Amino acid sequence: MRRVLFAIAVLVVSAGGCAPEDGAEFQLRLGHDQPMGHPYHLAMERLAERMDEATDGAVAISIFPASQLGDSAEQIEGLYLGSLDLALAAFSHASQFCPELGLFGAPFLFEDEAHFAAVFDGEVGAYLDGACSERYSIRLLSTLSSGYRVLFNGERPVESVEDLDGLRIRVMAGEADALTWQAFGAQPYPMPYSEVYSALQSGVIDGAENEPISALSNRFYETAPHLALTNHLVLPMGLFISEGSLEALPEAYRDALWEAAREVAVWERGYVAQRNAEALEEMRDRFGVQVTEPDVGELRERSLHVQDQVAERLGFPDLLDDVRAAAR
């Protein structure tokens, strides 16, 4: 019943959200959970433009930001149900449907941006696409990046690892996130992203973690003015498409979509790094956010075992080996 109601809700919102573009033979609906102006949204606008150009207007992508079509997990479910065509979602949210993706919530997994690109633009990315297709009939077109994630909280400045003790931190759905914050000494508190602001405001949680641009875009600094540069995770953001929606496109348009998705991912990875730096500076200088730098080396030492722990629990130690090998 929940799936049926969700499918109906998505169709209603889609029908009222935007009108079909004149001359478009194929109408694709795309959802994500960030507001307009966020790098994710700008990347998806770029994708829509590329597809419009590549297909002479035959493929139109309508974008629904800010969880208009449900939270990320519901959007992934919408791909499976056929009520949504594309979704940009964190791997952690999609991992309940494709467990291989759960590995990538492990902390300090990537040595640098080049390592991230080597993983997702190479054999590991192709393997994950195949796994998602086999398990849930969705395809992984490309992988974008959050940039380095940081902690923001309303309780106290985090100058050292000890300052994390007992803080109630919102975490994503993946098991790795909870294990990471437990290793840091905090209390993980799973909840949907759309509820974070109100939970910070009401004191249900003390803090949460995300990249700086999301903290700025969502005004989390208003209720959580202490920001710590933990840099513990680079979150992969998957651009997923329903297998049915992909197969409905002519081969030439499918090829154009794969190419556009990969080009947009490369562009976004560079752009999000720039915007994160700018967002951090703006929160500090304009809004008085207190920025601290705890010892990242100590955080890494405390939590490095989580990589192997998650890989063993999920049953994918070979996948972890492949990710590590891509750095060489």
Protein backbone atom coordinates (compact mmCIF):
# COMPACT_ATOMS: atom_id res chain seq x y z
CA MET A 1 0.00 0.00 0.00
CA ARG A 2 2.83 2.43 0.88
CA ARG A 3 4.45 1.87 -2.50
CA VAL A 4 1.16 2.45 -4.34
CA LEU A 5 0.45 5.66 -2.40
CA PHE A 6 3.97 6.93 -3.03
CA ALA A 7 3.70 6.23 -6.76
CA ILE A 8 0.42 8.13 -6.92
CA ALA A 9 1.91 11.05 -4.99
CA VAL A 10 4.89 11.29 -7.35
CA LEU A 11 2.62 11.26 -10.39
CA VAL A 12 0.46 14.01 -8.92
CA VAL A 13 3.45 16.23 -8.10
CA SER A 14 5.03 15.53 -11.48
CA ALA A 15 1.85 16.41 -13.28
CA GLY A 16 1.59 19.72 -11.47
CA GLY A 17 5.25 20.54 -11.10
CA CYS A 18 6.12 21.56 -14.64
CA ALA A 19 4.60 21.47 -18.09
CA PRO A 20 6.02 19.29 -20.89
CA GLU A 21 8.41 21.10 -23.16
CA ASP A 22 7.20 21.70 -26.72
CA GLY A 23 8.65 19.25 -29.21
CA ALA A 24 10.11 16.86 -26.61
CA GLU A 25 9.47 13.25 -27.55
CA PHE A 26 10.72 11.88 -24.22
CA GLN A 27 9.90 13.49 -20.87
CA LEU A 28 12.17 12.42 -18.00
CA ARG A 29 11.53 13.44 -14.38
CA LEU A 30 14.52 13.86 -12.07
CA GLY A 31 14.45 14.34 -8.30
CA HIS A 32 17.03 15.27 -5.67
CA ASP A 33 17.01 16.51 -2.05
CA GLN A 34 18.90 19.83 -2.22
CA PRO A 35 17.54 23.36 -2.89
CA MET A 36 17.86 25.27 -6.15
CA GLY A 37 21.27 26.90 -6.44
CA HIS A 38 23.06 23.98 -4.81
CA PRO A 39 25.84 22.44 -6.94
CA TYR A 40 23.78 19.25 -7.28
CA HIS A 41 20.90 21.21 -8.77
CA LEU A 42 23.19 23.20 -11.05
CA ALA A 43 24.74 19.94 -12.25
CA MET A 44 21.32 18.53 -13.05
CA GLU A 45 20.41 21.70 -14.95
CA ARG A 46 23.62 21.22 -16.90
CA LEU A 47 22.59 17.61 -17.62
CA ALA A 48 19.21 18.77 -18.91
CA GLU A 49 20.88 21.34 -21.16
CA ARG A 50 23.35 18.80 -22.54
CA MET A 51 20.56 16.35 -23.37
CA ASP A 52 18.47 19.05 -25.00
CA GLU A 53 21.44 19.98 -27.20
CA ALA A 54 22.49 16.40 -27.96
CA THR A 55 18.99 15.29 -28.99
CA ASP A 56 17.78 18.50 -30.65
CA GLY A 57 15.12 18.87 -27.99
CA ALA A 58 13.80 15.31 -28.24
CA VAL A 59 14.71 14.48 -24.61
CA ALA A 60 13.53 16.91 -21.91
CA ILE A 61 14.53 16.49 -18.27
CA SER A 62 12.31 18.17 -15.66
CA ILE A 63 14.03 18.68 -12.30
CA PHE A 64 12.28 18.50 -8.91
CA PRO A 65 14.66 19.74 -6.15
CA ALA A 66 14.39 19.91 -2.36
CA SER A 67 12.73 16.50 -1.83
CA GLN A 68 9.58 17.56 -3.69
CA LEU A 69 9.14 13.94 -4.74
CA GLY A 70 9.92 12.44 -1.35
CA ASP A 71 13.18 11.78 0.43
CA SER A 72 16.07 10.13 -1.38
CA ALA A 73 15.12 6.57 -0.45
CA GLU A 74 11.57 7.17 -1.69
CA GLN A 75 12.92 8.56 -4.93
CA ILE A 76 15.06 5.46 -5.48
CA GLU A 77 11.96 3.39 -4.81
CA GLY A 78 10.15 5.54 -7.37
CA LEU A 79 12.68 4.48 -10.00
CA TYR A 80 11.87 0.85 -9.31
CA LEU A 81 8.11 1.49 -9.38
CA GLY A 82 8.35 3.45 -12.62
CA SER A 83 6.90 6.62 -11.10
CA LEU A 84 10.21 8.49 -11.49
CA ASP A 85 12.87 8.36 -14.18
CA LEU A 86 16.05 9.77 -12.62
CA ALA A 87 17.26 10.50 -9.10
CA LEU A 88 20.43 12.06 -7.74
CA ALA A 89 20.89 10.39 -4.36
CA ALA A 90 23.61 9.63 -1.86
CA PHE A 91 24.93 6.08 -2.00
CA SER A 92 23.97 5.67 1.65
CA HIS A 93 20.30 6.21 0.81
CA ALA A 94 20.42 3.83 -2.14
CA SER A 95 22.33 1.15 -0.22
CA GLN A 96 19.14 -0.40 1.17
CA PHE A 97 18.33 -1.39 -2.41
CA CYS A 98 21.89 -2.11 -3.59
CA PRO A 99 24.01 -3.11 -0.55
CA GLU A 100 27.31 -2.77 -2.41
CA LEU A 101 26.84 1.00 -2.19
CA GLY A 102 26.87 0.80 1.60
CA LEU A 103 30.64 0.34 1.61
CA PHE A 104 31.14 3.94 0.50
CA GLY A 105 29.87 5.37 3.75
CA ALA A 106 33.07 4.15 5.41
CA PRO A 107 35.30 7.00 6.62
CA PHE A 108 38.54 8.18 5.00
CA LEU A 109 38.06 5.81 2.06
CA PHE A 110 39.60 8.06 -0.61
CA GLU A 111 43.11 9.44 -0.52
CA ASP A 112 42.30 12.41 -2.77
CA GLU A 113 40.07 13.58 -5.63
CA ALA A 114 42.07 11.60 -8.18
CA HIS A 115 41.47 8.41 -6.20
CA PHE A 116 37.72 9.15 -6.11
CA ALA A 117 37.68 9.61 -9.89
CA ALA A 118 39.72 6.46 -10.51
CA VAL A 119 37.21 4.42 -8.50
CA PHE A 120 33.97 5.65 -10.01
CA ASP A 121 35.10 6.33 -13.57
CA GLY A 122 36.75 2.91 -13.80
CA GLU A 123 36.09 -0.74 -13.15
CA VAL A 124 34.52 -0.24 -9.72
CA GLY A 125 31.97 2.16 -11.18
CA ALA A 126 31.07 -0.35 -13.88
CA TYR A 127 30.73 -3.09 -11.28
CA LEU A 128 28.38 -0.97 -9.16
CA ASP A 129 26.23 -0.17 -12.18
CA GLY A 130 25.85 -3.88 -12.88
CA ALA A 131 25.05 -4.64 -9.24
CA CYS A 132 22.32 -1.98 -9.12
CA SER A 133 20.83 -3.30 -12.35
CA GLU A 134 20.76 -6.88 -11.12
CA ARG A 135 19.44 -6.12 -7.65
CA TYR A 136 16.91 -3.35 -8.23
CA SER A 137 16.56 -2.66 -11.96
CA ILE A 138 18.23 0.73 -11.74
CA ARG A 139 21.39 1.93 -13.45
CA LEU A 140 24.19 4.10 -12.13
CA LEU A 141 24.86 6.63 -14.89
CA SER A 142 27.66 8.48 -13.09
CA THR A 143 28.90 9.47 -9.66
CA LEU A 144 29.12 13.02 -8.39
CA SER A 145 30.83 14.15 -5.19
CA SER A 146 29.80 16.00 -2.04
CA GLY A 147 33.33 17.15 -1.39
CA TYR A 148 34.62 16.68 2.15
CA ARG A 149 31.92 16.55 4.81
CA VAL A 150 32.15 18.45 8.08
CA LEU A 151 30.33 18.47 11.40
CA PHE A 152 28.06 21.31 12.53
CA ASN A 153 26.42 21.41 15.94
CA GLY A 154 24.65 23.74 18.32
CA GLU A 155 26.08 22.42 21.57
CA ARG A 156 29.77 23.35 21.68
CA PRO A 157 32.90 23.94 19.59
CA VAL A 158 34.69 20.73 18.65
CA GLU A 159 38.37 21.49 19.18
CA SER A 160 39.43 17.88 19.79
CA VAL A 161 38.11 14.37 19.37
CA GLU A 162 37.10 14.34 23.06
CA ASP A 163 34.63 17.17 22.36
CA LEU A 164 32.56 14.73 20.29
CA ASP A 165 31.82 12.53 23.30
CA GLY A 166 28.09 12.13 23.80
CA LEU A 167 26.95 14.49 21.04
CA ARG A 168 23.78 13.29 19.33
CA ILE A 169 24.64 13.42 15.62
CA ARG A 170 22.18 12.84 12.81
CA VAL A 171 23.45 10.15 10.45
CA MET A 172 22.30 8.78 7.12
CA ALA A 173 20.68 5.41 6.64
CA GLY A 174 23.83 3.39 5.92
CA GLU A 175 25.38 1.29 8.67
CA ALA A 176 28.82 2.78 8.06
CA ASP A 177 27.69 6.23 9.16
CA ALA A 178 26.53 5.00 12.57
CA LEU A 179 29.69 2.96 13.10
CA THR A 180 31.86 5.96 12.20
CA TRP A 181 30.28 8.31 14.71
CA GLN A 182 30.30 5.64 17.38
CA ALA A 183 34.04 5.28 16.78
CA PHE A 184 34.36 9.05 17.21
CA GLY A 185 32.56 8.82 20.56
CA ALA A 186 29.28 10.44 19.48
CA GLN A 187 25.74 9.04 19.53
CA PRO A 188 24.44 8.42 15.99
CA TYR A 189 20.81 9.36 15.38
CA PRO A 190 19.36 8.23 12.00
CA MET A 191 16.71 10.46 10.46
CA PRO A 192 15.62 11.75 7.02
CA TYR A 193 17.56 14.72 5.72
CA SER A 194 14.40 16.79 5.38
CA GLU A 195 13.94 16.69 9.19
CA VAL A 196 17.42 17.87 10.18
CA TYR A 197 16.71 21.61 10.52
CA SER A 198 13.67 21.15 12.77
CA ALA A 199 15.49 18.48 14.82
CA LEU A 200 18.40 20.87 15.41
CA GLN A 201 15.98 23.65 16.29
CA SER A 202 14.04 21.53 18.79
CA GLY A 203 17.14 19.94 20.33
CA VAL A 204 16.26 16.40 19.26
CA ILE A 205 19.81 16.23 17.89
CA ASP A 206 22.90 18.26 18.75
CA GLY A 207 24.42 18.24 15.31
CA ALA A 208 24.70 16.73 11.86
CA GLU A 209 27.28 16.40 9.13
CA ASN A 210 27.31 17.47 5.52
CA GLU A 211 29.44 19.43 3.12
CA PRO A 212 29.72 23.21 3.76
CA ILE A 213 27.60 24.25 0.77
CA SER A 214 24.67 22.21 2.08
CA ALA A 215 25.05 23.67 5.56
CA LEU A 216 24.89 27.12 3.98
CA SER A 217 22.09 26.39 1.49
CA ASN A 218 19.89 24.86 4.18
CA ARG A 219 20.82 27.52 6.81
CA PHE A 220 21.87 24.92 9.35
CA TYR A 221 24.26 27.50 10.80
CA GLU A 222 21.22 29.25 12.32
CA THR A 223 20.74 26.47 14.87
CA ALA A 224 24.20 24.86 14.71
CA PRO A 225 26.82 27.65 14.66
CA HIS A 226 29.81 25.43 15.57
CA LEU A 227 31.46 23.85 12.53
CA ALA A 228 34.34 21.37 12.77
CA LEU A 229 36.52 20.45 9.79
CA THR A 230 36.40 16.70 10.35
CA ASN A 231 36.76 15.92 6.61
CA HIS A 232 35.87 12.33 7.47
CA LEU A 233 33.93 11.42 4.36
CA VAL A 234 33.62 12.24 0.68
CA LEU A 235 30.08 11.17 -0.07
CA PRO A 236 29.43 9.67 -3.50
CA MET A 237 26.24 10.96 -5.08
CA GLY A 238 24.81 8.55 -7.63
CA LEU A 239 22.90 9.69 -10.69
CA PHE A 240 20.49 6.78 -11.03
CA ILE A 241 17.99 6.01 -13.76
CA SER A 242 15.18 3.49 -13.96
CA GLU A 243 16.22 0.65 -16.23
CA GLY A 244 12.84 0.87 -17.92
CA SER A 245 13.28 4.60 -18.61
CA LEU A 246 16.76 4.02 -20.02
CA GLU A 247 15.68 1.18 -22.27
CA ALA A 248 12.73 3.23 -23.57
CA LEU A 249 15.17 5.69 -25.16
CA PRO A 250 16.56 5.01 -28.66
CA GLU A 251 20.15 3.80 -28.60
CA ALA A 252 21.55 7.12 -29.80
CA TYR A 253 19.78 8.95 -26.97
CA ARG A 254 20.96 6.38 -24.44
CA ASP A 255 24.53 6.93 -25.56
CA ALA A 256 24.05 10.69 -25.32
CA LEU A 257 22.71 10.35 -21.77
CA TRP A 258 25.66 8.23 -20.61
CA GLU A 259 28.09 10.74 -22.11
CA ALA A 260 26.30 13.76 -20.65
CA ALA A 261 26.04 12.16 -17.21
CA ARG A 262 29.76 11.44 -17.09
CA GLU A 263 30.71 14.90 -18.35
CA VAL A 264 28.47 16.55 -15.76
CA ALA A 265 29.94 14.40 -12.97
CA VAL A 266 33.49 15.50 -13.81
CA TRP A 267 32.40 19.15 -13.94
CA GLU A 268 30.53 18.92 -10.64
CA ARG A 269 33.43 17.38 -8.73
CA GLY A 270 35.61 20.39 -9.46
CA TYR A 271 32.85 22.92 -8.95
CA VAL A 272 31.70 21.51 -5.61
CA ALA A 273 35.23 21.79 -4.19
CA GLN A 274 35.30 25.48 -5.14
CA ARG A 275 31.80 26.15 -3.75
CA ASN A 276 32.52 24.34 -0.49
CA ALA A 277 35.52 26.57 0.14
CA GLU A 278 33.44 29.67 -0.62
CA ALA A 279 30.55 28.47 1.58
CA LEU A 280 32.88 27.87 4.51
CA GLU A 281 34.30 31.36 4.20
CA GLU A 282 30.81 32.92 3.94
CA MET A 283 29.47 31.12 7.00
CA ARG A 284 32.49 32.19 9.04
CA ASP A 285 32.74 35.80 7.85
CA ARG A 286 29.10 36.70 7.24
CA PHE A 287 27.19 34.59 9.74
CA GLY A 288 29.71 34.27 12.56
CA VAL A 289 30.04 30.50 12.44
CA GLN A 290 32.86 29.26 14.66
CA VAL A 291 35.14 27.01 12.61
CA THR A 292 37.46 24.59 14.40
CA GLU A 293 40.00 22.03 13.21
CA PRO A 294 40.14 18.86 15.32
CA ASP A 295 42.98 16.42 14.70
CA VAL A 296 41.90 14.60 11.53
CA GLY A 297 44.72 12.11 12.00
CA GLU A 298 43.25 11.05 15.34
CA LEU A 299 39.77 10.78 13.83
CA ARG A 300 41.21 8.60 11.07
CA GLU A 301 43.05 6.41 13.56
CA ARG A 302 39.91 5.92 15.65
CA SER A 303 37.74 4.96 12.70
CA LEU A 304 39.93 3.28 10.08
CA HIS A 305 38.79 -0.16 11.26
CA VAL A 306 35.26 0.76 10.17
CA GLN A 307 36.28 0.22 6.53
CA ASP A 308 37.08 -3.45 7.10
CA GLN A 309 34.22 -3.87 9.55
CA VAL A 310 31.65 -2.61 7.04
CA ALA A 311 33.14 -4.62 4.17
CA GLU A 312 33.00 -7.83 6.22
CA ARG A 313 29.45 -7.21 7.45
CA LEU A 314 28.21 -6.50 3.94
CA GLY A 315 30.17 -9.39 2.47
CA PHE A 316 32.24 -7.30 0.04
CA PRO A 317 35.89 -7.41 1.20
CA ASP A 318 37.04 -7.81 -2.42
CA LEU A 319 35.25 -4.59 -3.34
CA LEU A 320 37.14 -2.76 -0.60
CA ASP A 321 40.40 -4.19 -1.96
CA ASP A 322 39.50 -2.87 -5.43
CA VAL A 323 38.74 0.59 -4.06
CA ARG A 324 42.05 0.72 -2.24
CA ALA A 325 43.94 -0.61 -5.28
CA ALA A 326 42.56 2.20 -7.46
CA ALA A 327 44.74 4.67 -5.54
CA ARG A 328 47.90 3.09 -6.93
